[in-house]
Protein backbone atom coordinates (compact mmCIF):
# COMPACT_ATOMS: atom_id res chain seq x y z
CA MET A 1 39.04 143.86 123.89
CA ALA A 2 40.98 141.04 125.22
CA ASN A 3 44.40 141.40 126.52
CA TYR A 4 46.35 138.92 124.49
CA ARG A 5 49.85 137.95 126.27
CA LEU A 6 51.65 136.62 123.28
CA ALA A 7 55.28 136.68 124.69
CA GLU A 8 54.45 134.03 127.35
CA LEU A 9 55.41 130.72 125.52
CA ASP A 10 55.79 128.37 128.58
CA PHE A 11 53.32 125.49 128.74
CA ASP A 12 51.76 126.30 132.06
CA GLU A 13 51.75 130.14 131.02
CA ILE A 14 49.94 129.17 127.63
CA LYS A 15 47.15 127.21 129.62
CA VAL A 16 46.53 130.05 132.09
CA ASN A 17 46.22 132.55 129.08
CA LEU A 18 43.68 130.09 127.43
CA LYS A 19 41.66 129.93 130.49
CA GLN A 20 41.90 133.65 131.07
CA PHE A 21 40.48 134.22 127.35
CA LEU A 22 37.67 131.67 127.80
CA THR A 23 36.69 133.18 130.96
CA ASN A 24 36.45 136.58 129.53
CA TYR A 25 35.09 135.47 126.40
CA ARG A 26 31.49 137.31 125.73
CA ASP A 27 28.56 136.33 123.19
CA LYS A 28 27.14 138.85 121.05
CA ASP A 29 24.99 140.55 123.85
CA ASN A 30 27.99 141.12 125.88
CA ASN A 31 27.24 138.02 128.37
CA LEU A 32 30.06 135.69 129.74
CA ILE A 33 29.63 132.35 128.09
CA PHE A 34 31.90 130.65 130.53
CA LYS A 35 30.91 132.49 133.67
CA ASP A 36 31.84 130.63 137.26
CA TYR A 37 33.02 127.53 134.86
CA ASP A 38 35.47 125.10 136.51
CA PHE A 39 37.80 124.38 133.89
CA GLU A 40 39.75 121.94 135.84
CA ALA A 41 36.83 119.67 136.64
CA SER A 42 35.57 119.66 133.00
CA SER A 43 36.43 117.81 129.88
CA LEU A 44 37.22 120.99 128.27
CA ASN A 45 40.56 120.78 130.39
CA ILE A 46 41.85 118.17 128.04
CA LEU A 47 41.17 120.31 125.22
CA ILE A 48 43.02 123.30 126.73
CA ASP A 49 45.97 120.93 127.60
CA LEU A 50 45.98 119.78 124.04
CA LEU A 51 45.91 123.46 122.79
CA SER A 52 48.45 124.57 125.05
CA TYR A 53 50.92 121.59 124.14
CA ASN A 54 50.45 122.21 120.55
CA THR A 55 51.03 126.12 120.92
CA HIS A 56 54.27 125.42 123.22
CA TYR A 57 55.26 122.73 120.59
CA ASN A 58 55.12 125.03 117.72
CA ALA A 59 56.70 127.91 119.71
CA TYR A 60 59.75 125.65 120.50
CA LEU A 61 59.93 124.74 116.87
CA ALA A 62 59.91 128.22 115.55
CA ASN A 63 62.55 129.13 118.02
CA MET A 64 64.81 126.37 116.98
CA VAL A 65 64.35 127.09 113.24
CA ALA A 66 65.08 130.67 113.93
CA ASN A 67 68.19 129.64 115.76
CA GLU A 68 69.37 127.38 112.98
CA MET A 69 69.34 130.26 110.40
CA PHE A 70 72.02 132.26 112.37
CA LEU A 71 75.56 131.03 112.68
CA ASP A 72 76.01 132.11 116.32
CA SER A 73 73.11 130.37 117.75
CA ALA A 74 73.02 127.16 115.42
CA VAL A 75 73.32 123.95 117.45
CA LYS A 76 73.25 121.43 114.57
CA ARG A 77 76.39 121.16 112.73
CA GLU A 78 74.69 120.98 109.32
CA SER A 79 73.25 124.44 109.82
CA ALA A 80 76.52 125.76 110.51
CA VAL A 81 77.99 124.03 107.54
CA SER A 82 75.30 125.44 105.30
CA ILE A 83 75.72 128.89 106.60
CA ALA A 84 79.34 128.82 106.45
CA LYS A 85 78.88 127.64 102.75
CA HIS A 86 77.13 131.07 102.00
CA LEU A 87 80.46 132.82 103.60
CA GLY A 88 82.56 130.83 101.41
CA TYR A 89 84.11 128.78 103.96
CA THR A 90 84.54 125.09 103.79
CA PRO A 91 84.94 123.19 107.01
CA LEU A 92 88.43 121.53 107.56
CA SER A 93 88.43 117.80 107.02
CA TYR A 94 90.28 115.28 108.87
CA LYS A 95 94.29 115.73 108.57
CA SER A 96 96.47 112.55 108.17
CA ALA A 97 99.73 112.65 110.37
CA ARG A 98 102.70 112.85 107.98
CA ALA A 99 106.25 111.69 108.56
CA LYS A 100 109.49 111.58 107.07
CA LEU A 101 112.06 108.59 106.31
CA SER A 102 115.53 108.17 104.97
CA PHE A 103 116.64 104.70 103.91
CA THR A 104 119.04 102.91 101.79
CA VAL A 105 118.30 99.93 99.52
CA THR A 106 120.68 97.28 98.07
CA PRO A 107 118.88 96.09 94.95
CA LEU A 108 119.59 92.68 93.45
CA ASP A 109 121.10 94.08 90.28
CA ASN A 110 122.80 97.64 89.61
CA PRO A 111 119.82 99.49 87.82
CA THR A 112 120.29 103.03 86.68
CA SER A 113 117.41 104.19 88.81
CA LEU A 114 115.16 102.91 91.74
CA THR A 115 111.20 103.77 92.00
CA LEU A 116 109.25 103.67 95.14
CA PRO A 117 105.91 103.42 93.84
CA ARG A 118 103.07 105.55 94.55
CA PHE A 119 100.95 104.14 97.73
CA SER A 120 103.86 101.85 98.87
CA PRO A 121 102.67 100.84 102.51
CA PHE A 122 104.94 101.78 105.77
CA THR A 123 103.53 100.50 108.69
CA THR A 124 104.01 101.38 112.33
CA GLN A 125 102.77 100.63 115.68
CA ILE A 126 101.31 103.37 118.04
CA ASN A 127 100.46 102.42 121.46
CA THR A 128 98.87 98.95 120.58
CA THR A 129 97.70 99.59 117.12
CA GLN A 130 99.24 99.32 113.69
CA TYR A 131 98.62 102.13 111.23
CA THR A 132 99.50 102.43 107.77
CA PHE A 133 101.36 105.18 106.04
CA VAL A 134 102.05 105.58 102.11
CA ASN A 135 103.85 108.12 99.96
CA LEU A 136 101.53 110.23 97.67
CA ASP A 137 103.81 110.26 94.74
CA PRO A 138 106.12 107.91 93.19
CA ILE A 139 109.89 108.77 93.93
CA THR A 140 112.64 107.88 91.66
CA ILE A 141 116.47 108.04 92.57
CA LYS A 142 119.63 107.54 91.01
CA PRO A 143 122.77 105.75 92.83
CA ILE A 144 125.47 108.05 94.37
CA ASP A 145 128.89 106.14 94.34
CA GLY A 146 126.68 102.93 93.99
CA VAL A 147 124.54 103.50 96.82
CA TYR A 148 120.71 103.85 96.50
CA THR A 149 119.37 106.20 99.23
CA PHE A 150 115.82 107.62 99.49
CA SER A 151 116.16 110.89 101.72
CA ASP A 152 113.40 112.53 103.60
CA VAL A 153 110.60 110.62 101.98
CA GLU A 154 107.27 112.16 103.14
CA ILE A 155 104.56 109.39 103.97
CA VAL A 156 101.02 110.15 105.00
CA GLU A 157 98.74 108.16 107.24
CA GLY A 158 95.59 106.69 105.73
CA GLU A 159 94.05 103.91 103.79
CA PRO A 160 94.10 104.81 99.82
CA LEU A 161 90.63 104.67 98.50
CA ILE A 162 89.16 105.21 94.65
CA TYR A 163 85.72 105.68 93.96
CA SER A 164 84.33 106.45 90.29
CA TYR A 165 81.23 107.96 88.82
CA ARG A 166 79.62 108.25 85.49
CA VAL A 167 78.49 111.55 84.46
CA ASP A 168 74.93 111.72 83.66
CA LEU A 169 73.68 115.43 83.78
CA SER A 170 76.83 117.61 83.28
CA GLY A 171 77.08 120.82 85.19
CA PRO A 172 77.18 122.06 88.89
CA GLY A 173 74.15 120.48 89.59
CA GLU A 174 75.33 117.06 89.54
CA LYS A 175 77.35 116.47 92.65
CA TYR A 176 79.61 113.43 93.49
CA THR A 177 79.56 112.26 97.15
CA ILE A 178 82.71 110.63 98.58
CA PRO A 179 81.23 108.00 100.80
CA ASN A 180 83.55 108.22 103.71
CA LYS A 181 83.33 110.85 106.45
CA ASN A 182 87.11 110.88 107.87
CA ILE A 183 88.86 111.64 104.47
CA ASP A 184 91.78 114.16 104.31
CA THR A 185 90.75 116.38 101.61
CA SER A 186 94.13 117.55 100.95
CA THR A 187 95.01 114.16 99.51
CA ILE A 188 91.93 114.13 96.95
CA ARG A 189 93.08 113.58 93.41
CA VAL A 190 90.41 113.98 90.61
CA THR A 191 90.82 112.68 87.35
CA VAL A 192 88.31 112.48 84.22
CA GLN A 193 88.19 109.87 81.67
CA ASN A 194 86.71 110.45 78.42
CA SER A 195 84.37 107.69 78.40
CA PHE A 196 84.62 103.74 79.28
CA THR A 197 85.91 103.23 75.40
CA ASP A 198 88.08 106.19 75.35
CA LEU A 199 90.65 105.77 78.06
CA THR A 200 92.17 109.51 77.73
CA THR A 201 92.37 111.31 81.26
CA GLN A 202 92.72 114.71 82.26
CA THR A 203 93.62 115.65 85.98
CA TYR A 204 91.34 118.48 87.56
CA SER A 205 92.62 120.68 90.55
CA LEU A 206 90.84 122.14 93.61
CA ALA A 207 89.31 125.48 92.77
CA GLU A 208 90.39 127.92 95.41
CA SER A 209 90.58 131.64 93.73
CA LEU A 210 87.71 132.41 91.31
CA SER A 211 89.83 135.31 90.12
CA THR A 212 92.18 132.79 88.22
CA ILE A 213 89.17 130.39 86.74
CA THR A 214 88.28 130.79 83.25
CA GLY A 215 85.52 128.61 81.50
CA THR A 216 88.25 126.20 80.42
CA SER A 217 90.09 125.75 83.76
CA LYS A 218 90.05 122.08 84.81
CA VAL A 219 88.96 122.64 88.39
CA TYR A 220 86.71 121.04 90.62
CA PHE A 221 84.71 122.49 93.56
CA LEU A 222 84.49 120.75 97.15
CA GLU A 223 81.91 121.32 99.77
CA GLU A 224 80.52 119.47 102.79
CA ASN A 225 76.79 118.34 102.45
CA PRO A 226 74.37 118.11 105.20
CA SER A 227 75.07 114.58 106.00
CA GLY A 228 78.70 115.25 106.78
CA PHE A 229 80.08 113.89 103.54
CA PHE A 230 82.33 115.91 101.26
CA GLU A 231 81.17 115.98 97.66
CA ILE A 232 82.71 117.56 94.56
CA PHE A 233 80.98 119.21 91.39
CA PHE A 234 82.34 120.68 88.25
CA GLY A 235 81.98 123.86 86.39
CA ASP A 236 79.69 125.24 83.74
CA ASN A 237 81.85 126.59 81.15
CA ILE A 238 81.85 129.88 82.72
CA LEU A 239 83.59 128.98 86.04
CA GLY A 240 85.44 125.96 85.39
CA LYS A 241 85.30 123.51 82.40
CA LYS A 242 81.95 121.33 82.11
CA LEU A 243 82.00 117.82 82.12
CA VAL A 244 80.39 115.60 79.31
CA SER A 245 77.65 113.15 79.66
CA GLY A 246 79.42 109.76 79.59
CA ASN A 247 82.75 111.15 81.36
CA LEU A 248 83.92 108.96 84.06
CA VAL A 249 85.00 110.70 87.23
CA LYS A 250 87.56 109.02 89.41
CA ILE A 251 88.24 110.37 92.96
CA GLU A 252 91.38 109.08 94.70
CA TYR A 253 91.77 109.93 98.65
CA LEU A 254 92.90 108.80 101.95
CA VAL A 255 90.80 107.62 104.86
CA SER A 256 92.71 109.08 107.91
CA ASN A 257 92.71 108.26 111.62
CA GLY A 258 93.32 112.07 112.41
CA ASP A 259 95.40 112.69 115.68
CA GLN A 260 95.64 109.10 116.66
CA CYS A 261 98.92 108.95 114.72
CA ASN A 262 100.61 111.95 116.20
CA VAL A 263 103.58 110.57 117.86
CA SER A 264 106.01 112.89 120.20
CA GLY A 265 109.40 113.58 119.02
CA ALA A 266 110.97 112.39 122.24
CA ILE A 267 109.77 108.77 121.08
CA THR A 268 111.60 106.77 118.46
CA GLN A 269 109.27 105.82 116.01
CA THR A 270 110.06 103.03 113.32
CA PHE A 271 108.41 102.03 109.97
CA THR A 272 108.17 98.72 108.19
CA LEU A 273 107.88 98.93 104.39
CA GLY A 274 105.35 96.28 103.28
CA ALA A 275 106.60 96.18 99.62
CA LYS A 276 109.81 95.26 97.75
CA ILE A 277 112.06 97.94 96.11
CA GLY A 278 114.48 96.72 93.44
CA GLY A 279 113.18 93.06 93.90
CA VAL A 280 114.44 93.12 97.77
CA THR A 281 112.64 93.94 100.99
CA LEU A 282 114.11 96.29 103.80
CA GLY A 283 115.46 94.09 106.32
CA ALA A 284 115.26 96.23 109.51
CA PRO A 285 112.77 98.80 110.42
CA VAL A 286 113.37 102.28 109.21
CA THR A 287 113.55 104.99 111.93
CA ALA A 288 111.85 108.10 111.05
CA THR A 289 113.90 111.40 110.77
CA THR A 290 110.44 113.31 111.52
CA ASN A 291 107.94 111.54 113.65
CA SER A 292 104.58 111.47 112.49
CA SER A 293 102.67 114.67 113.36
CA GLY A 294 100.03 116.89 112.13
CA GLY A 295 96.92 114.76 112.40
CA ASP A 296 93.60 116.35 113.22
CA VAL A 297 90.00 115.63 113.33
CA GLY A 298 88.68 118.51 111.40
CA ASP A 299 86.51 121.51 112.36
CA THR A 300 84.08 121.21 115.14
CA ILE A 301 80.78 123.31 115.07
CA ASP A 302 82.48 125.80 117.38
CA GLU A 303 85.45 126.03 114.94
CA ILE A 304 83.10 126.67 112.04
CA LYS A 305 81.34 129.36 113.77
CA PHE A 306 84.82 130.86 114.74
CA LYS A 307 86.44 130.69 111.42
CA ALA A 308 83.78 131.36 108.70
CA PRO A 309 82.99 135.01 109.52
CA ARG A 310 86.79 135.84 109.75
CA PHE A 311 87.45 134.03 106.45
CA LEU A 312 84.60 135.88 104.88
CA SER A 313 86.22 139.28 106.15
CA SER A 314 89.53 138.38 104.32
CA PHE A 315 87.62 138.08 100.96
CA ASN A 316 90.07 135.16 100.04
CA ARG A 317 92.73 137.53 99.58
CA ALA A 318 95.60 138.86 102.10
CA VAL A 319 95.96 142.55 102.16
CA THR A 320 95.73 143.33 105.86
CA ALA A 321 97.01 141.50 108.80
CA SER A 322 93.71 140.05 109.71
CA ASP A 323 93.62 138.67 106.30
CA TYR A 324 96.79 136.81 106.78
CA LYS A 325 95.61 135.84 110.18
CA ALA A 326 92.11 134.49 109.08
CA LEU A 327 93.56 132.59 106.03
CA ILE A 328 96.21 130.61 108.07
CA GLU A 329 93.77 129.84 110.72
CA ALA A 330 91.28 128.67 108.40
CA ASN A 331 93.56 126.34 106.52
CA TYR A 332 95.98 125.05 109.21
CA PRO A 333 94.04 123.53 112.35
CA LEU A 334 97.37 122.41 113.96
CA ILE A 335 98.62 126.07 114.43
CA GLU A 336 97.19 127.07 117.87
CA SER A 337 97.87 130.69 117.61
CA VAL A 338 98.65 133.38 114.81
CA SER A 339 100.18 136.72 114.91
CA VAL A 340 100.68 139.00 111.94
CA TRP A 341 102.07 142.75 111.80
CA GLY A 342 103.36 144.96 109.18
CA GLY A 343 107.11 145.30 108.70
CA GLU A 344 106.85 149.04 109.42
CA GLU A 345 105.71 148.23 112.99
CA ASN A 346 108.58 145.99 113.70
CA ASP A 347 111.68 146.55 115.87
CA PRO A 348 113.84 147.32 113.76
CA PRO A 349 111.61 148.03 110.93
CA LYS A 350 111.35 145.82 107.69
CA TYR A 351 109.82 147.72 104.99
CA GLY A 352 108.01 146.00 102.23
CA LYS A 353 107.39 142.98 104.46
CA VAL A 354 104.76 141.50 106.49
CA ILE A 355 105.93 139.53 109.50
CA ILE A 356 104.21 136.20 110.52
CA SER A 357 104.67 134.48 113.94
CA LEU A 358 103.19 130.83 114.37
CA LYS A 359 102.88 128.67 117.69
CA PRO A 360 101.66 125.32 117.10
CA TYR A 361 99.83 123.12 119.27
CA ASP A 362 102.56 120.63 119.63
CA GLY A 363 106.20 121.82 120.27
CA TYR A 364 107.36 125.44 120.48
CA THR A 365 108.18 126.18 116.66
CA VAL A 366 106.49 125.36 113.23
CA ASN A 367 108.95 123.51 110.80
CA ASP A 368 110.23 124.85 107.71
CA SER A 369 108.16 122.72 105.31
CA LEU A 370 104.87 123.87 106.98
CA LYS A 371 105.87 127.60 106.51
CA ASN A 372 106.71 126.75 103.01
CA SER A 373 103.47 125.14 102.49
CA ILE A 374 101.54 128.00 103.83
CA LEU A 375 103.49 130.54 101.65
CA GLN A 376 103.08 128.35 98.34
CA ASN A 377 99.63 127.00 98.83
CA THR A 378 97.85 129.86 100.96
CA LEU A 379 99.44 133.06 100.74
CA LEU A 380 101.33 133.24 97.39
CA ASP A 381 98.41 133.89 94.95
CA LYS A 382 96.59 135.99 97.67
CA LYS A 383 99.15 138.45 98.75
CA VAL A 384 99.98 141.88 97.43
CA MET A 385 102.72 141.55 94.85
CA ALA A 386 105.24 143.91 96.36
CA ILE A 387 104.80 142.33 99.91
CA THR A 388 107.02 139.47 101.18
CA PRO A 389 105.83 137.48 104.00
CA GLU A 390 108.51 136.72 106.56
CA PHE A 391 108.12 133.95 109.16
CA ILE A 392 109.85 134.28 112.60
CA ASP A 393 109.54 131.92 115.52
CA PRO A 394 107.72 132.81 118.77
CA ASN A 395 109.45 134.82 121.40
CA TYR A 396 108.82 132.68 124.55
CA LEU A 397 108.46 134.38 127.96
CA TYR A 398 108.84 131.98 130.70
CA VAL A 399 107.02 132.95 134.00
CA THR A 400 108.28 131.64 137.36
CA ILE A 401 105.75 131.66 140.20
CA ASP A 402 106.34 131.15 143.79
CA SER A 403 102.84 131.10 145.37
CA LYS A 404 102.42 131.32 149.11
CA VAL A 405 98.67 130.36 150.27
CA LYS A 406 97.03 131.00 153.51
CA PHE A 407 94.12 129.11 154.46
CA ASP A 408 92.09 128.58 157.66
CA SER A 409 92.63 124.64 158.33
CA LYS A 410 89.95 124.53 160.98
CA ASN A 411 87.23 125.32 158.31
CA SER A 412 88.70 123.54 155.54
CA LYS A 413 88.26 120.01 154.37
CA TYR A 414 91.71 119.86 152.76
CA SER A 415 95.16 119.45 154.29
CA ALA A 416 97.94 121.75 153.38
CA ALA A 417 99.21 119.31 150.95
CA GLU A 418 96.07 119.05 149.08
CA ILE A 419 95.59 122.87 149.16
CA GLU A 420 99.18 123.09 147.54
CA ILE A 421 98.08 120.49 144.68
CA LEU A 422 94.98 122.33 143.95
CA THR A 423 96.83 125.67 143.62
CA ARG A 424 99.43 124.00 141.49
CA LYS A 425 96.77 122.89 139.23
CA THR A 426 94.84 126.25 139.21
CA ILE A 427 97.95 127.97 138.17
CA GLN A 428 98.70 125.57 135.41
CA ASP A 429 95.14 125.77 134.37
CA TYR A 430 95.07 129.51 134.05
CA PHE A 431 98.33 129.32 131.82
CA LYS A 432 96.56 126.61 129.62
CA GLN A 433 93.23 128.44 129.29
CA GLU A 434 94.11 132.45 129.36
CA LEU A 435 97.66 132.42 128.19
CA GLN A 436 100.06 130.33 125.98
CA LYS A 437 98.97 132.44 122.68
CA PHE A 438 99.95 135.51 121.11
CA ASN A 439 98.85 138.82 122.53
CA LYS A 440 97.56 137.41 125.84
CA ASN A 441 98.57 139.02 129.11
CA PHE A 442 99.27 137.77 132.41
CA ILE A 443 97.01 139.40 134.86
CA TYR A 444 97.96 139.12 138.46
CA SER A 445 94.75 139.90 139.96
CA LYS A 446 92.78 137.14 137.83
CA LEU A 447 95.24 134.58 139.04
CA SER A 448 94.98 135.65 142.47
CA LYS A 449 91.12 135.44 142.21
CA ASN A 450 91.29 132.08 140.95
CA ILE A 451 93.46 130.92 143.65
CA ASP A 452 91.10 132.32 146.45
CA ALA A 453 88.15 130.61 144.63
CA ILE A 454 89.80 127.09 145.24
CA ASP A 455 88.00 126.80 148.74
CA SER A 456 86.30 129.15 151.04
CA SER A 457 88.98 128.43 153.81
CA ILE A 458 91.58 130.19 151.77
CA ILE A 459 92.19 133.60 153.38
CA GLY A 460 94.50 134.90 150.78
CA ASN A 461 97.65 134.44 148.49
CA VAL A 462 100.85 136.15 147.51
CA ASN A 463 102.80 135.29 144.33
CA SER A 464 106.23 136.44 143.73
CA ILE A 465 106.83 136.72 139.84
CA LYS A 466 109.97 136.45 137.80
CA ILE A 467 110.09 136.31 134.14
CA GLN A 468 112.75 134.32 132.15
CA LYS A 469 114.68 134.22 128.71
CA ARG A 470 116.35 131.14 127.32
CA ILE A 471 119.11 131.12 124.86
CA THR A 472 121.15 128.18 123.57
CA PRO A 473 124.69 129.94 122.32
CA ALA A 474 127.02 127.84 120.29
CA VAL A 475 129.94 126.78 122.40
CA ASN A 476 133.45 128.14 121.71
CA THR A 477 132.03 130.69 119.33
CA ILE A 478 131.27 134.09 119.71
CA ASN A 479 127.40 134.64 119.99
CA GLU A 480 125.86 138.20 119.49
CA TYR A 481 122.62 139.10 121.17
CA THR A 482 122.23 142.74 119.81
CA GLY A 483 119.85 144.29 117.23
CA SER A 484 117.35 142.03 116.00
CA THR A 485 118.39 139.40 118.20
CA VAL A 486 118.64 141.39 121.65
CA LEU A 487 116.81 139.79 124.52
CA LYS A 488 113.58 141.07 124.84
CA PHE A 489 111.66 140.88 127.99
CA ALA A 490 109.08 143.38 126.61
CA ASN A 491 108.46 144.59 130.33
CA LYS A 492 109.86 146.98 132.90
CA LEU A 493 112.34 145.37 134.88
CA VAL A 494 113.53 145.66 138.56
CA SER A 495 117.12 146.96 138.75
CA GLY A 496 119.45 144.56 140.40
CA SER A 497 117.29 141.65 139.76
CA VAL A 498 118.92 140.25 136.43
CA TYR A 499 120.92 137.11 136.64
CA SER A 500 121.53 133.93 134.62
CA THR A 501 122.00 130.18 135.55
CA SER A 502 125.75 129.12 135.38
CA PHE A 503 127.88 127.97 132.52
CA TYR A 504 131.47 127.32 131.72
CA TYR A 505 133.62 130.21 130.41
CA THR A 506 137.41 130.33 129.55
CA THR A 507 139.58 132.82 131.36
CA GLY A 508 142.90 132.75 130.40
CA ASN A 509 143.95 129.03 130.17
CA THR A 510 141.23 128.15 132.95
CA ILE A 511 137.87 126.98 132.57
CA SER A 512 135.30 128.53 135.08
CA THR A 513 131.83 128.12 136.17
CA VAL A 514 130.12 131.71 135.68
CA TYR A 515 126.85 133.47 135.68
CA LEU A 516 125.85 137.00 134.51
CA GLN A 517 124.59 139.53 137.05
CA ASP A 518 123.61 143.13 136.34
CA ASN A 519 125.52 145.82 137.89
CA ILE A 520 123.44 148.86 138.52
CA THR A 521 124.75 151.94 136.70
CA THR A 522 121.70 154.26 137.00
CA SER A 523 118.02 153.63 137.71
CA THR A 524 117.02 152.73 133.97
CA THR A 525 120.35 151.07 132.83
CA SER A 526 123.09 148.97 133.86
CA THR A 527 126.02 146.87 132.89
CA LEU A 528 126.03 143.08 132.83
CA ASP A 529 129.00 141.39 134.44
CA LEU A 530 130.32 137.81 134.60
CA LEU A 531 130.71 136.59 138.17
CA ASP A 532 132.28 133.20 139.55
CA PHE A 533 129.61 130.81 140.46
CA TYR A 534 131.29 129.82 143.83
CA THR A 535 132.73 132.96 144.96
CA SER A 536 130.50 135.68 143.33
CA LYS A 537 133.61 137.63 142.55
CA THR A 538 133.90 139.60 139.12
CA ILE A 539 135.74 137.60 136.42
CA GLU A 540 134.79 140.14 133.59
CA LEU A 541 132.98 143.65 133.48
CA ASN A 542 130.75 145.01 131.09
CA VAL A 543 129.92 141.93 128.84
CA GLY A 544 126.42 143.37 128.29
CA THR A 545 124.10 146.27 129.03
CA VAL A 546 120.27 145.87 130.73
CA ASP A 547 117.78 148.52 129.78
CA TYR A 548 115.23 148.27 132.63
CA THR A 549 112.71 150.64 131.09
CA SER A 550 112.39 148.82 127.64
CA GLY A 551 113.20 145.21 129.14
CA GLN A 552 115.99 144.45 126.70
CA VAL A 553 119.20 142.46 127.29
CA SER A 554 122.10 143.05 124.91
CA ILE A 555 125.21 140.94 125.09
CA PRO A 556 127.44 141.87 122.02
CA SER A 557 129.95 138.87 122.49
CA LEU A 558 128.95 135.76 124.40
CA ASN A 559 131.58 132.71 124.07
CA PRO A 560 130.66 130.14 126.56
CA ALA A 561 132.89 127.03 126.97
CA GLY A 562 129.93 124.58 127.57
CA PHE A 563 126.89 124.04 129.66
CA VAL A 564 126.96 122.71 133.34
CA GLU A 565 125.97 119.37 133.85
CA ASN A 566 121.96 118.84 133.79
CA SER A 567 121.74 122.06 131.61
CA THR A 568 121.57 122.37 127.91
CA ASP A 569 120.96 126.39 127.87
CA ILE A 570 121.46 129.51 129.61
CA ARG A 571 118.42 131.00 131.43
CA ILE A 572 118.13 134.76 132.29
CA TYR A 573 115.97 135.84 134.96
CA SER A 574 114.41 139.17 136.23
CA ARG A 575 111.69 140.53 138.56
CA ILE A 576 109.33 143.02 136.84
CA GLN A 577 108.38 146.28 138.12
CA GLU A 578 104.41 145.87 137.40
CA MET A 579 102.39 143.00 138.78
CA ASP A 580 100.96 142.20 135.29
CA ILE A 581 102.94 141.00 132.33
CA GLY A 582 102.46 142.21 128.88
CA SER A 583 102.47 140.20 125.76
CA THR A 584 102.77 141.91 122.25
CA ARG A 585 103.28 140.61 118.75
CA ASP A 586 105.49 137.50 118.69
CA ILE A 587 105.56 137.12 122.55
CA VAL A 588 104.01 134.19 124.12
CA LEU A 589 103.81 133.66 127.95
CA VAL A 590 104.37 130.21 129.19
CA ILE A 591 104.66 128.80 132.47
CA ASP A 592 108.19 128.10 133.51
CA ASP A 593 108.76 124.23 133.42
CA SER A 594 112.03 124.28 135.52
CA ASN A 595 113.28 122.07 138.11
CA LEU A 596 115.36 123.34 141.15
CA ASP A 597 118.91 122.80 140.62
CA THR A 598 121.26 124.88 143.05
CA ALA A 599 124.14 123.60 141.00
CA VAL A 600 123.42 125.45 137.91
CA LYS A 601 121.48 128.39 139.77
CA ARG A 602 118.28 127.43 138.35
CA SER A 603 115.05 128.11 140.33
CA SER A 604 111.97 125.93 140.48
CA GLY A 605 109.45 127.22 137.70
CA LEU A 606 106.47 126.81 139.99
CA THR A 607 106.66 126.55 143.77
CA VAL A 608 103.47 126.52 145.95
CA SER A 609 103.42 126.57 149.66
CA ALA A 610 100.25 126.58 151.96
CA SER A 611 99.95 127.54 155.41
CA ASN A 612 97.41 128.23 158.40
C-alpha cells in the first residue's frame, strides 16, 4: 500500500509526493509502470505541476475558509462582523464629536419664547478644514429679565441626511440599507409613515433588550452587513411590531468625520451659527464652553474580536463586575480602560453598590454627562434592582524615573546624547504600551530589559524610582485628606523619603513658604510636619501621618494660603520599598511629566543620563 503524506501542503512537497506516487505505482501484475522514468524531462512534468498547483490552491482556499469561520483567526472584517452577529454584538459605528455652547440672542421684537430649530448649522474650523455641527433636537427658551440665553446647547458634528424606503415584503426578511459607511448610529431616528396618502407617522426606537420587547413594541433592529453598511429591519409581531406593505420608512442620521473633529481643551474653539434666530444672525462667533470631543472611527476588526466574546459573556445584563466592564467597553469606545468592583470590596466598604472607575483616552477624567449617559442608556435596565452604580475618578500615581545608562562608546554607533534620547523614548513607550490603564503593574526588570535592548553597546542601566500623588486643595480653606479621601500610594513606602513640593502657609500673621516632610516615629509609621522651605526648620508638628506599610498619607487639616509661582498643586513624593509598583482597582500608573523647578522643590519627572 502506498504511503500517502497528506499533511504536506506546500507546492514543492505536493509535487514530490505525486512523483513518488507515480514511481511506486504498479499494475495488476505488480509491475512498476514508470520504472526508471525521468519526470523532469517529460511532458508529464507539466501535468504534475498542474496537479500540484491545483492541490496547493485548494488547500490554501480550504485553510482560509476554515480561518474565516472562527473569530480569532478571521482576517476579513466581514467574517468577524458575521461571527459577532451570532454573539449578539453589533460593531460600533463612527462617533461624531460633540461640543457645548452658551450664547445670548437679541431678537428684533420681544417674543415670549425663542426656538433653535433642529439641525441648525454651526460651523468651526479645525486646522484648515471647516466642519459643520448641528443640534439634534429643537430647543425652546424663555427670556429671563428680558435676556434670551441658550445655555449648554449640545451640538453634534456631521451632515444630516434622510433616506426613505417603501415597504414591499413586510417582516424581518426585508432590510433597509443606510447608504453611507461613516454614519453615527447613535443619531439614527426612524419614523414609519402609514402610506403615501396617509401621512400619519410613528416613531420607532432601537431594540436593545429583548426582555422588554413584545409583539406591539415599536422598535427596529440594527446590524452591519458584509459590505460594511449598516441596515435596519423590523419585527414580526412576536419580537417587535411588524410593518405593513405600503408603509414608508424614513431614516434620519448624521454622516460623521469621526476623530478628525476632536479638539484639545487647551485650545479656544469658536463656532459660527449659519441660521437666524428670532430674525437676527449672531454677530460674533460663539466660544465653546466644552470643546468638541468624543469623535471616533468605530470598531476595527481587532476590536470586534476583543469585544464580541466579552459582550456575549455578559448576556446583555449587568450582574457581575465583568458584565459591567463588558457593557461599557462595548458601547463607549472613547473610554480607554474600565475598572469595576463590588462595594463590599471597597475601602471603606459601600454595601449595595458597584464601584466603576473610567479612564478616557483624552484627559484624566470622564465628564458627568458621559457618566450619566452610561448609567441611563446602558446600565439602568440591565443592572440588578438593589445595586446602585457609583462612579469614582481614577486614582493617578505618577512615576518619577532617574535612569542612568552605561554603554561602550567604542562599540556603539550612537553618541551619549543619542543614547539618552533613545532611552527616554523607550521609557515613554513602556508606559504607553504596558501601563496607563487599570490593573497594570510597573515591572522594573521589564523596563530595564527594554533599555538594554536599545543597542548592543549598552552594558547596563540603573533606575531610581519615586511615586507621586497630586492634590489641589482649596486655598484659605481647611482641606481634609482622611477616610475616603486619604492619599493612597498603594505600595510600601520607604521611611524618611516622603516630602512635598512647596506652598504658601499662614503662621500667625506671616505667610511662609513651606513643605511637608515625614518625621520618622517607628519603622512602620511617622508623623508629617511642616518645614520652612528656606531653612528646613520645623514650623508646625504633626499635621498628618504616614503609614509606610499600607502606603497611606493622612492629612486631617490642610489650609494652604496659596501656591508658589509656576505651581497649581501640591505634589507629594516617596520612594518605594519594592522595585516593582503595584496597581489595583482605581489606580492608574502614568509617567511623571514634571519639569524640574527647585523654587517649588519639584523634581524632573524623567531624567536620563548616559556614560561610558
